[in-house]
C-alpha atoms as a PDB file:
ATOM      1  CA  MET A   1       4.318   7.500 -17.053  1.00  0.00           C
ATOM      2  CA  LYS A   2       1.096   8.823 -15.492  1.00  0.00           C
ATOM      3  CA  GLN A   3       0.113   5.278 -14.482  1.00  0.00           C
ATOM      4  CA  LEU A   4       3.444   4.806 -12.716  1.00  0.00           C
ATOM      5  CA  THR A   5       3.018   8.078 -10.814  1.00  0.00           C
ATOM      6  CA  ALA A   6      -0.546   7.155  -9.831  1.00  0.00           C
ATOM      7  CA  LEU A   7       0.610   3.721  -8.703  1.00  0.00           C
ATOM      8  CA  ALA A   8       3.392   5.261  -6.614  1.00  0.00           C
ATOM      9  CA  CYS A   9       0.895   7.633  -4.953  1.00  0.00           C
ATOM     10  CA  VAL A  10      -1.479   4.774  -4.116  1.00  0.00           C
ATOM     11  CA  GLY A  11       1.403   2.756  -2.683  1.00  0.00           C
ATOM     12  CA  ALA A  12       2.491   5.689  -0.532  1.00  0.00           C
ATOM     13  CA  MET A  13      -1.064   6.152   0.789  1.00  0.00           C
ATOM     14  CA  VAL A  14      -1.280   2.463   1.708  1.00  0.00           C
ATOM     15  CA  VAL A  15       1.992   2.662   3.623  1.00  0.00           C
ATOM     16  CA  LEU A  16       0.931   5.816   5.447  1.00  0.00           C
ATOM     17  CA  THR A  17      -2.476   4.364   6.284  1.00  0.00           C
ATOM     18  CA  ALA A  18      -0.954   1.141   7.611  1.00  0.00           C
ATOM     19  CA  CYS A  19       1.350   3.111   9.897  1.00  0.00           C
ATOM     20  CA  ASP A  20      -1.477   5.237  11.272  1.00  0.00           C
ATOM     21  CA  VAL A  21      -3.708   2.377  12.469  1.00  0.00           C
ATOM     22  CA  PRO A  22      -4.142   2.261  16.262  1.00  0.00           C
ATOM     23  CA  GLN A  23      -3.266  -1.179  17.556  1.00  0.00           C
ATOM     24  CA  SER A  24      -5.623  -3.046  19.871  1.00  0.00           C
ATOM     25  CA  PRO A  25      -4.299  -3.707  23.375  1.00  0.00           C
ATOM     26  CA  VAL A  26      -2.478  -6.987  23.898  1.00  0.00           C
ATOM     27  CA  VAL A  27      -2.884  -8.624  27.307  1.00  0.00           C
ATOM     28  CA  ILE A  28      -1.612 -11.813  28.881  1.00  0.00           C
ATOM     29  CA  GLY A  29      -4.353 -14.406  29.397  1.00  0.00           C
ATOM     30  CA  PRO A  30      -4.682 -16.731  32.394  1.00  0.00           C
ATOM     31  CA  ASP A  31      -2.768 -19.365  30.406  1.00  0.00           C
ATOM     32  CA  GLY A  32       0.208 -16.990  30.023  1.00  0.00           C
ATOM     33  CA  GLN A  33      -0.435 -16.543  26.293  1.00  0.00           C
ATOM     34  CA  GLU A  34      -0.716 -13.144  24.580  1.00  0.00           C
ATOM     35  CA  ARG A  35      -4.295 -12.204  23.709  1.00  0.00           C
ATOM     36  CA  ILE A  36      -5.636  -9.327  21.610  1.00  0.00           C
ATOM     37  CA  GLN A  37      -8.540  -7.416  23.121  1.00  0.00           C
ATOM     38  CA  ILE A  38     -11.517  -7.201  20.768  1.00  0.00           C
ATOM     39  CA  ASN A  39     -12.853  -3.692  20.190  1.00  0.00           C
ATOM     40  CA  THR A  40     -16.640  -4.141  20.140  1.00  0.00           C
ATOM     41  CA  ALA A  41     -17.159  -0.451  19.282  1.00  0.00           C
ATOM     42  CA  GLY A  42     -15.119  -0.490  16.076  1.00  0.00           C
ATOM     43  CA  LEU A  43     -12.224  -2.197  14.380  1.00  0.00           C
ATOM     44  CA  THR A  44      -9.827  -4.544  16.143  1.00  0.00           C
ATOM     45  CA  CYS A  45      -6.358  -3.932  14.680  1.00  0.00           C
ATOM     46  CA  TYR A  46      -3.255  -6.060  15.131  1.00  0.00           C
ATOM     47  CA  GLN A  47      -0.028  -5.647  13.175  1.00  0.00           C
ATOM     48  CA  THR A  48      -1.198  -4.542   9.707  1.00  0.00           C
ATOM     49  CA  ARG A  49      -4.736  -5.957   9.676  1.00  0.00           C
ATOM     50  CA  CYS A  50      -8.031  -4.566  10.997  1.00  0.00           C
ATOM     51  CA  LEU A  51     -11.166  -6.632  11.485  1.00  0.00           C
ATOM     52  CA  ASP A  52     -14.682  -5.868  12.631  1.00  0.00           C
ATOM     53  CA  ILE A  53     -15.255  -8.662  15.167  1.00  0.00           C
ATOM     54  CA  ASN A  54     -18.683  -9.039  16.781  1.00  0.00           C
ATOM     55  CA  PRO A  55     -18.506 -11.596  19.633  1.00  0.00           C
ATOM     56  CA  ALA A  56     -22.276 -11.390  20.319  1.00  0.00           C
ATOM     57  CA  ALA A  57     -23.170 -12.296  16.730  1.00  0.00           C
ATOM     58  CA  ARG A  58     -20.083 -14.536  16.312  1.00  0.00           C
ATOM     59  CA  SER A  59     -19.245 -12.704  13.104  1.00  0.00           C
ATOM     60  CA  VAL A  60     -16.202 -11.107  11.538  1.00  0.00           C
ATOM     61  CA  ARG A  61     -15.780  -8.716   8.630  1.00  0.00           C
ATOM     62  CA  MET A  62     -12.860  -7.139   6.857  1.00  0.00           C
ATOM     63  CA  VAL A  63     -13.610  -3.598   5.647  1.00  0.00           C
ATOM     64  CA  GLY A  64     -15.072  -3.816   2.152  1.00  0.00           C
ATOM     65  CA  ASN A  65     -15.971  -7.497   2.434  1.00  0.00           C
ATOM     66  CA  ARG A  66     -19.036  -9.443   3.479  1.00  0.00           C
ATOM     67  CA  THR A  67     -19.697 -10.387   7.078  1.00  0.00           C
ATOM     68  CA  THR A  68     -19.060 -14.059   7.797  1.00  0.00           C
ATOM     69  CA  GLY A  69     -19.234 -16.365  10.784  1.00  0.00           C
ATOM     70  CA  ILE A  70     -16.427 -16.977  13.245  1.00  0.00           C
ATOM     71  CA  PRO A  71     -15.161 -20.565  13.002  1.00  0.00           C
ATOM     72  CA  ARG A  72     -16.348 -22.866  15.809  1.00  0.00           C
ATOM     73  CA  GLY A  73     -12.847 -23.494  17.130  1.00  0.00           C
ATOM     74  CA  ILE A  74     -12.303 -19.816  17.988  1.00  0.00           C
ATOM     75  CA  ASP A  75     -13.698 -18.672  21.350  1.00  0.00           C
ATOM     76  CA  VAL A  76     -14.408 -14.941  21.482  1.00  0.00           C
ATOM     77  CA  SER A  77     -16.681 -15.035  24.531  1.00  0.00           C
ATOM     78  CA  ASP A  78     -14.072 -13.446  26.828  1.00  0.00           C
ATOM     79  CA  GLY A  79     -13.485 -10.540  24.431  1.00  0.00           C
ATOM     80  CA  THR A  80     -10.013 -11.635  23.364  1.00  0.00           C
ATOM     81  CA  VAL A  81      -8.308 -13.761  20.716  1.00  0.00           C
ATOM     82  CA  THR A  82      -4.775 -15.085  20.365  1.00  0.00           C
ATOM     83  CA  PRO A  83      -2.583 -13.730  17.554  1.00  0.00           C
ATOM     84  CA  ALA A  84      -2.994 -17.076  15.728  1.00  0.00           C
ATOM     85  CA  GLU A  85      -6.790 -16.866  16.077  1.00  0.00           C
ATOM     86  CA  PHE A  86      -6.709 -13.260  14.809  1.00  0.00           C
ATOM     87  CA  ARG A  87      -4.742 -14.366  11.734  1.00  0.00           C
ATOM     88  CA  ARG A  88      -7.285 -17.163  11.142  1.00  0.00           C
ATOM     89  CA  LEU A  89     -10.173 -14.673  11.465  1.00  0.00           C
ATOM     90  CA  GLY A  90      -8.420 -12.483   8.894  1.00  0.00           C
ATOM     91  CA  GLU A  91      -8.183 -15.418   6.481  1.00  0.00           C
ATOM     92  CA  VAL A  92     -11.879 -16.231   6.959  1.00  0.00           C
ATOM     93  CA  ALA A  93     -12.875 -12.574   6.486  1.00  0.00           C
ATOM     94  CA  LEU A  94     -10.730 -12.286   3.353  1.00  0.00           C
ATOM     95  CA  LEU A  95     -12.267 -15.417   1.861  1.00  0.00           C
ATOM     96  CA  ALA A  96     -15.762 -13.961   2.401  1.00  0.00           C
ATOM     97  CA  GLY A  97     -14.902 -11.513  -0.378  1.00  0.00           C
ATOM     98  CA  GLY A  98     -17.409  -9.269  -2.051  1.00  0.00           C
ATOM     99  CA  THR A  99     -18.456  -5.730  -1.389  1.00  0.00           C
ATOM    100  CA  GLY A 100     -20.686  -6.366   1.584  1.00  0.00           C
ATOM    101  CA  SER A 101     -23.965  -8.195   1.930  1.00  0.00           C
ATOM    102  CA  ARG A 102     -27.531  -7.142   2.539  1.00  0.00           C
ATOM    103  CA  GLY A 103     -26.894  -7.625   6.268  1.00  0.00           C
ATOM    104  CA  ASP A 104     -24.018  -5.134   6.107  1.00  0.00           C
ATOM    105  CA  ARG A 105     -26.293  -2.351   4.884  1.00  0.00           C
ATOM    106  CA  GLY A 106     -28.028  -0.429   7.682  1.00  0.00           C
END
């Protein structure tokens, strides 16, 4: 019974945390498509996912995972990504797995 209560508490914290995440601004690009502004001073959050995107280093990281490269087909040079590109970055960051790399430690 204690495990069930602990599991319920963890689930409630996840729901509350997901609701409290500030969303990154969404703008309309010159092509008329929605674009998510990348926060270079912290996490870029869209819907229920947050990523640490570094356009200068062309890297992306999901909190708790290793830093990995941004795929070549995704252009982050203007400081924005489309929702589809953001989802793809999330997949890449998730696949990096792990608990961080030597480069992630200060």
